[in-house]
Protein backbone atom coordinates (compact mmCIF):
# COMPACT_ATOMS: atom_id res chain seq x y z
CA MET A 1 146.32 102.05 92.74
CA THR A 2 145.31 99.15 95.21
CA PRO A 3 148.23 97.93 97.74
CA GLU A 4 147.43 94.97 96.44
CA GLU A 5 147.96 96.59 92.81
CA ALA A 6 150.94 98.40 94.16
CA ALA A 7 152.32 94.68 95.33
CA TRP A 8 151.61 93.43 92.02
CA VAL A 9 153.94 96.18 90.40
CA ARG A 10 157.14 95.82 92.35
CA GLU A 11 157.27 92.27 91.91
CA HIS A 12 156.57 91.92 88.23
CA ALA A 13 157.78 95.61 86.92
CA TRP A 14 160.49 96.95 88.85
CA MET A 15 164.21 96.14 88.18
CA GLY A 16 166.30 94.67 90.65
CA GLN A 17 168.04 97.72 92.08
CA LEU A 18 164.54 99.22 92.73
CA GLN A 19 163.81 96.38 94.74
CA ARG A 20 166.66 96.30 97.15
CA GLU A 21 166.44 100.35 97.25
CA TYR A 22 162.36 99.42 98.36
CA ALA A 23 163.41 96.67 100.39
CA ALA A 24 165.61 98.62 102.48
CA LEU A 25 163.82 101.92 102.39
CA PRO A 26 160.44 101.30 101.50
CA GLY A 27 159.23 104.90 102.75
CA VAL A 28 161.69 106.72 100.01
CA THR A 29 159.55 105.00 97.21
CA HIS A 30 155.83 105.42 98.08
CA THR A 31 156.57 109.06 100.08
CA CYS A 32 154.89 112.13 98.93
CA THR A 33 157.31 114.98 98.66
CA CYS A 34 155.88 117.27 100.58
CA GLN A 35 155.77 114.31 102.96
CA PHE A 36 159.42 114.74 104.07
CA GLY A 37 160.15 115.71 107.19
CA PRO A 38 163.19 118.29 107.81
CA THR A 39 166.59 118.35 106.19
CA GLY A 40 169.52 116.36 108.18
CA HIS A 41 170.91 119.72 109.26
CA CYS A 42 167.90 120.65 110.56
CA GLY A 43 167.12 117.48 112.40
CA VAL A 44 171.02 117.70 114.51
CA GLY A 45 170.19 121.89 115.23
CA GLN A 46 172.35 122.84 112.02
CA HIS A 47 169.45 125.08 110.94
CA ASP A 48 172.09 127.78 109.01
CA GLN A 49 173.19 124.79 107.00
CA CYS A 50 170.02 123.25 105.86
CA GLN A 51 170.04 123.65 102.38
CA SER A 52 166.09 123.81 101.53
CA THR A 53 164.97 127.31 101.21
CA ALA A 54 162.94 127.61 98.58
CA TRP A 55 159.83 125.08 97.19
CA GLU A 56 160.72 123.61 93.66
CA PRO A 57 158.29 120.84 92.23
CA LYS A 58 159.57 117.16 92.44
CA PRO A 59 158.07 114.61 89.99
CA GLU A 60 157.51 111.47 91.20
CA THR A 61 160.13 109.88 89.16
CA TYR A 62 161.63 109.56 85.85
CA VAL A 63 160.88 107.53 82.72
CA THR A 64 163.34 105.76 82.66
CA ASP A 65 164.90 102.79 80.01
CA GLY A 66 165.76 99.18 80.90
CA LYS A 67 169.00 99.89 82.08
CA GLY A 68 167.92 102.23 84.49
CA SER A 69 169.25 106.09 82.53
CA VAL A 70 166.34 108.37 82.48
CA ARG A 71 165.12 109.35 78.96
CA TYR A 72 164.09 112.56 77.38
CA PHE A 73 160.81 114.14 75.77
CA ALA A 74 161.56 116.36 72.51
CA ASP A 75 164.03 118.51 74.41
CA PRO A 76 167.30 116.78 75.39
CA ARG A 77 167.90 119.41 78.14
CA GLU A 78 164.15 118.11 79.83
CA PRO A 79 164.43 114.53 80.79
CA ALA A 80 160.65 112.71 81.40
CA ARG A 81 159.04 113.74 84.16
CA VAL A 82 156.35 111.79 86.07
CA TRP A 83 153.56 113.57 88.00
CA LEU A 84 150.71 111.99 89.61
CA ALA A 85 148.64 115.19 89.90
CA PRO A 86 147.85 118.39 87.99
CA THR A 87 149.55 120.10 90.56
CA ALA A 88 152.56 119.53 91.31
CA CYS A 89 153.75 118.65 94.71
CA GLY A 90 157.26 119.66 96.64
CA TRP A 91 159.48 119.62 99.94
CA LEU A 92 161.20 122.61 102.03
CA CYS A 93 162.33 121.80 105.13
CA PRO A 94 159.24 122.28 107.72
CA CYS A 95 161.75 123.33 110.07
CA GLY A 96 160.05 127.01 111.41
CA CYS A 97 163.62 128.73 111.02
CA HIS A 98 163.24 129.38 107.55
CA ARG A 99 160.22 128.71 106.14
CA PRO A 100 159.01 132.04 103.35
CA ALA A 101 155.70 133.07 103.29
CA VAL A 102 153.27 130.98 101.93
CA ALA A 103 153.18 132.58 98.26
CA ASP A 104 156.67 131.89 98.14
CA TRP A 105 156.13 127.64 97.96
CA ALA A 106 152.63 127.54 96.34
CA PRO A 107 151.92 124.24 94.29
CA THR A 108 152.43 124.89 90.73
CA ARG A 109 150.07 123.45 88.02
CA ILE A 110 151.78 121.21 85.56
CA GLU A 111 151.25 120.23 81.92
CA GLN A 112 152.57 116.32 81.33
CA PRO A 113 153.03 115.23 77.91
CA ALA A 114 151.00 111.91 77.34
CA LEU A 115 152.95 109.23 78.58
CA PHE A 116 151.02 106.20 76.56
């Protein structure tokens, strides 16, 4: 998607709350999970309180209805997640004080049902 197409989507398809969030913190809505920086705890030197010690895949977003409620596929316990690529991205605090071995946080292949 080009920047112009993304701007059109933000203007015409995003609901008011998402538009306000983007206006306040644009990086949150277009930064990939793997690009997040250190946790707040590590950022202020409180490494022992960091909760990000295990990599887990994070979806880009969730499918929602017109009111912003998360929708579900066939299993009512599994929200309808949206992945940008067949390899899931995830976030792990980049601080070296608790980083696991690379094998513990390798990308995961995701099977996404067709959305349309």
